[in-house]
């Protein structure tokens, strides 16, 4: 199978300039570490309950599109006023939040 990265990478001069440019984002690109709830469907011995259902340490890299008093709202993709692959994480589940790339265009839309 051919290498898709090489196959899909533009090779024109204009594309190379675009690829080398530093994109500006409307939202901060963040790394969020948080505890995710875990569910189990089926019978478990009582001593297995905690072992099988401990909260999951989860890492999400996405755009932070909104924050309020109770939660962080993230999306993997945005365009104009739409987002895709959204996740809402209650602040009580957050372990850490690191800004990977600060938004530069916020408020210009």
C-alpha atoms as a PDB file:
ATOM      1  CA  UNK A   1       0.000   0.000   0.000  1.00  0.00           C
ATOM      2  CA  UNK A   2       1.367   3.417  -0.898  1.00  0.00           C
ATOM      3  CA  UNK A   3       2.119   6.037   1.731  1.00  0.00           C
ATOM      4  CA  UNK A   4      -0.996   8.259   1.925  1.00  0.00           C
ATOM      5  CA  UNK A   5       0.858  11.175   3.506  1.00  0.00           C
ATOM      6  CA  UNK A   6       3.217  11.341   0.532  1.00  0.00           C
ATOM      7  CA  UNK A   7       0.376  10.732  -1.926  1.00  0.00           C
ATOM      8  CA  UNK A   8      -1.871  13.442  -0.511  1.00  0.00           C
ATOM      9  CA  UNK A   9       0.810  16.052   0.213  1.00  0.00           C
ATOM     10  CA  UNK A  10       0.623  18.953  -2.277  1.00  0.00           C
ATOM     11  CA  UNK A  11       3.842  19.621  -4.169  1.00  0.00           C
ATOM     12  CA  UNK A  12       3.155  22.917  -5.944  1.00  0.00           C
ATOM     13  CA  UNK A  13       5.008  26.053  -4.839  1.00  0.00           C
ATOM     14  CA  UNK A  14       1.773  27.688  -3.638  1.00  0.00           C
ATOM     15  CA  UNK A  15       0.836  24.586  -1.653  1.00  0.00           C
ATOM     16  CA  UNK A  16       4.296  24.456  -0.082  1.00  0.00           C
ATOM     17  CA  UNK A  17       3.953  28.095   1.016  1.00  0.00           C
ATOM     18  CA  UNK A  18       0.502  27.378   2.468  1.00  0.00           C
ATOM     19  CA  UNK A  19       1.780  24.284   4.262  1.00  0.00           C
ATOM     20  CA  UNK A  20       4.650  26.262   5.787  1.00  0.00           C
ATOM     21  CA  UNK A  21       2.456  29.138   6.949  1.00  0.00           C
ATOM     22  CA  UNK A  22       1.451  29.429  10.563  1.00  0.00           C
ATOM     23  CA  UNK A  23      -2.341  29.029  10.770  1.00  0.00           C
ATOM     24  CA  UNK A  24      -4.356  31.371  12.992  1.00  0.00           C
ATOM     25  CA  UNK A  25      -7.216  29.875  14.943  1.00  0.00           C
ATOM     26  CA  UNK A  26     -10.513  31.269  16.203  1.00  0.00           C
ATOM     27  CA  UNK A  27     -10.238  29.080  19.306  1.00  0.00           C
ATOM     28  CA  UNK A  28      -7.409  27.920  21.534  1.00  0.00           C
ATOM     29  CA  UNK A  29      -6.042  24.492  20.606  1.00  0.00           C
ATOM     30  CA  UNK A  30      -5.713  22.659  23.922  1.00  0.00           C
ATOM     31  CA  UNK A  31      -4.643  19.421  25.530  1.00  0.00           C
ATOM     32  CA  UNK A  32      -7.171  18.439  28.168  1.00  0.00           C
ATOM     33  CA  UNK A  33      -6.463  15.687  30.685  1.00  0.00           C
ATOM     34  CA  UNK A  34      -9.561  14.526  32.511  1.00  0.00           C
ATOM     35  CA  UNK A  35     -11.223  11.617  34.272  1.00  0.00           C
ATOM     36  CA  UNK A  36     -13.871   9.946  32.153  1.00  0.00           C
ATOM     37  CA  UNK A  37     -16.730   7.988  33.634  1.00  0.00           C
ATOM     38  CA  UNK A  38     -16.723   4.263  32.939  1.00  0.00           C
ATOM     39  CA  UNK A  39     -19.717   1.999  32.634  1.00  0.00           C
ATOM     40  CA  UNK A  40     -20.022  -1.775  32.673  1.00  0.00           C
ATOM     41  CA  UNK A  41     -23.013  -3.804  31.590  1.00  0.00           C
ATOM     42  CA  UNK A  42     -23.215  -7.212  33.145  1.00  0.00           C
ATOM     43  CA  UNK A  43     -22.657  -9.052  36.382  1.00  0.00           C
ATOM     44  CA  UNK A  44     -19.522  -8.437  38.454  1.00  0.00           C
ATOM     45  CA  UNK A  45     -18.411  -9.743  41.806  1.00  0.00           C
ATOM     46  CA  UNK A  46     -18.376  -6.919  44.360  1.00  0.00           C
ATOM     47  CA  UNK A  47     -14.576  -7.091  44.737  1.00  0.00           C
ATOM     48  CA  UNK A  48     -14.215  -6.665  40.931  1.00  0.00           C
ATOM     49  CA  UNK A  49     -16.400  -3.550  40.773  1.00  0.00           C
ATOM     50  CA  UNK A  50     -13.703  -0.966  41.519  1.00  0.00           C
ATOM     51  CA  UNK A  51     -11.062  -2.773  39.439  1.00  0.00           C
ATOM     52  CA  UNK A  52     -13.315  -2.972  36.369  1.00  0.00           C
ATOM     53  CA  UNK A  53     -14.959   0.460  36.693  1.00  0.00           C
ATOM     54  CA  UNK A  54     -12.244   2.884  37.819  1.00  0.00           C
ATOM     55  CA  UNK A  55     -12.424   6.292  36.107  1.00  0.00           C
ATOM     56  CA  UNK A  56     -10.361   6.462  32.939  1.00  0.00           C
ATOM     57  CA  UNK A  57      -7.515   9.015  32.685  1.00  0.00           C
ATOM     58  CA  UNK A  58      -8.281  10.519  29.278  1.00  0.00           C
ATOM     59  CA  UNK A  59      -6.330  12.948  27.061  1.00  0.00           C
ATOM     60  CA  UNK A  60      -8.158  15.039  24.461  1.00  0.00           C
ATOM     61  CA  UNK A  61      -6.561  17.441  21.970  1.00  0.00           C
ATOM     62  CA  UNK A  62      -9.187  19.778  20.491  1.00  0.00           C
ATOM     63  CA  UNK A  63     -10.360  23.361  20.111  1.00  0.00           C
ATOM     64  CA  UNK A  64     -11.795  24.965  23.252  1.00  0.00           C
ATOM     65  CA  UNK A  65     -14.883  26.643  21.772  1.00  0.00           C
ATOM     66  CA  UNK A  66     -16.626  27.667  24.988  1.00  0.00           C
ATOM     67  CA  UNK A  67     -16.210  27.644  28.756  1.00  0.00           C
ATOM     68  CA  UNK A  68     -18.725  28.409  31.459  1.00  0.00           C
ATOM     69  CA  UNK A  69     -18.886  27.986  35.237  1.00  0.00           C
ATOM     70  CA  UNK A  70     -19.519  24.236  35.045  1.00  0.00           C
ATOM     71  CA  UNK A  71     -17.947  22.839  31.869  1.00  0.00           C
ATOM     72  CA  UNK A  72     -15.474  23.046  28.989  1.00  0.00           C
ATOM     73  CA  UNK A  73     -16.881  22.657  25.460  1.00  0.00           C
ATOM     74  CA  UNK A  74     -14.461  21.260  22.872  1.00  0.00           C
ATOM     75  CA  UNK A  75     -14.635  20.345  19.195  1.00  0.00           C
ATOM     76  CA  UNK A  76     -12.153  18.586  16.942  1.00  0.00           C
ATOM     77  CA  UNK A  77     -13.196  20.615  13.890  1.00  0.00           C
ATOM     78  CA  UNK A  78     -14.830  23.978  13.251  1.00  0.00           C
ATOM     79  CA  UNK A  79     -15.942  25.984  10.217  1.00  0.00           C
ATOM     80  CA  UNK A  80     -17.691  29.363  10.383  1.00  0.00           C
ATOM     81  CA  UNK A  81     -20.348  28.831  13.066  1.00  0.00           C
ATOM     82  CA  UNK A  82     -20.416  25.016  12.979  1.00  0.00           C
ATOM     83  CA  UNK A  83     -18.393  22.433  14.895  1.00  0.00           C
ATOM     84  CA  UNK A  84     -17.925  18.678  14.601  1.00  0.00           C
ATOM     85  CA  UNK A  85     -16.964  15.913  17.044  1.00  0.00           C
ATOM     86  CA  UNK A  86     -17.923  17.909  20.128  1.00  0.00           C
ATOM     87  CA  UNK A  87     -17.354  16.930  23.731  1.00  0.00           C
ATOM     88  CA  UNK A  88     -18.497  18.623  26.924  1.00  0.00           C
ATOM     89  CA  UNK A  89     -16.366  17.910  29.990  1.00  0.00           C
ATOM     90  CA  UNK A  90     -17.619  18.968  33.436  1.00  0.00           C
ATOM     91  CA  UNK A  91     -14.951  21.028  35.231  1.00  0.00           C
ATOM     92  CA  UNK A  92     -15.031  18.642  38.187  1.00  0.00           C
ATOM     93  CA  UNK A  93     -13.550  15.938  35.928  1.00  0.00           C
ATOM     94  CA  UNK A  94     -10.647  18.104  34.629  1.00  0.00           C
ATOM     95  CA  UNK A  95      -7.122  17.198  35.768  1.00  0.00           C
ATOM     96  CA  UNK A  96      -5.217  19.729  33.636  1.00  0.00           C
ATOM     97  CA  UNK A  97      -5.638  22.084  30.686  1.00  0.00           C
ATOM     98  CA  UNK A  98      -2.677  23.122  28.537  1.00  0.00           C
ATOM     99  CA  UNK A  99      -2.912  25.627  25.676  1.00  0.00           C
ATOM    100  CA  UNK A 100      -1.001  24.236  22.688  1.00  0.00           C
ATOM    101  CA  UNK A 101      -1.725  27.152  20.347  1.00  0.00           C
ATOM    102  CA  UNK A 102      -3.376  30.411  21.375  1.00  0.00           C
ATOM    103  CA  UNK A 103      -6.274  31.756  19.281  1.00  0.00           C
ATOM    104  CA  UNK A 104      -5.323  34.791  17.191  1.00  0.00           C
ATOM    105  CA  UNK A 105      -8.545  35.634  15.385  1.00  0.00           C
ATOM    106  CA  UNK A 106     -11.107  35.566  18.195  1.00  0.00           C
ATOM    107  CA  UNK A 107     -13.657  38.354  17.903  1.00  0.00           C
ATOM    108  CA  UNK A 108     -12.898  39.108  14.238  1.00  0.00           C
ATOM    109  CA  UNK A 109     -15.888  37.143  12.893  1.00  0.00           C
END
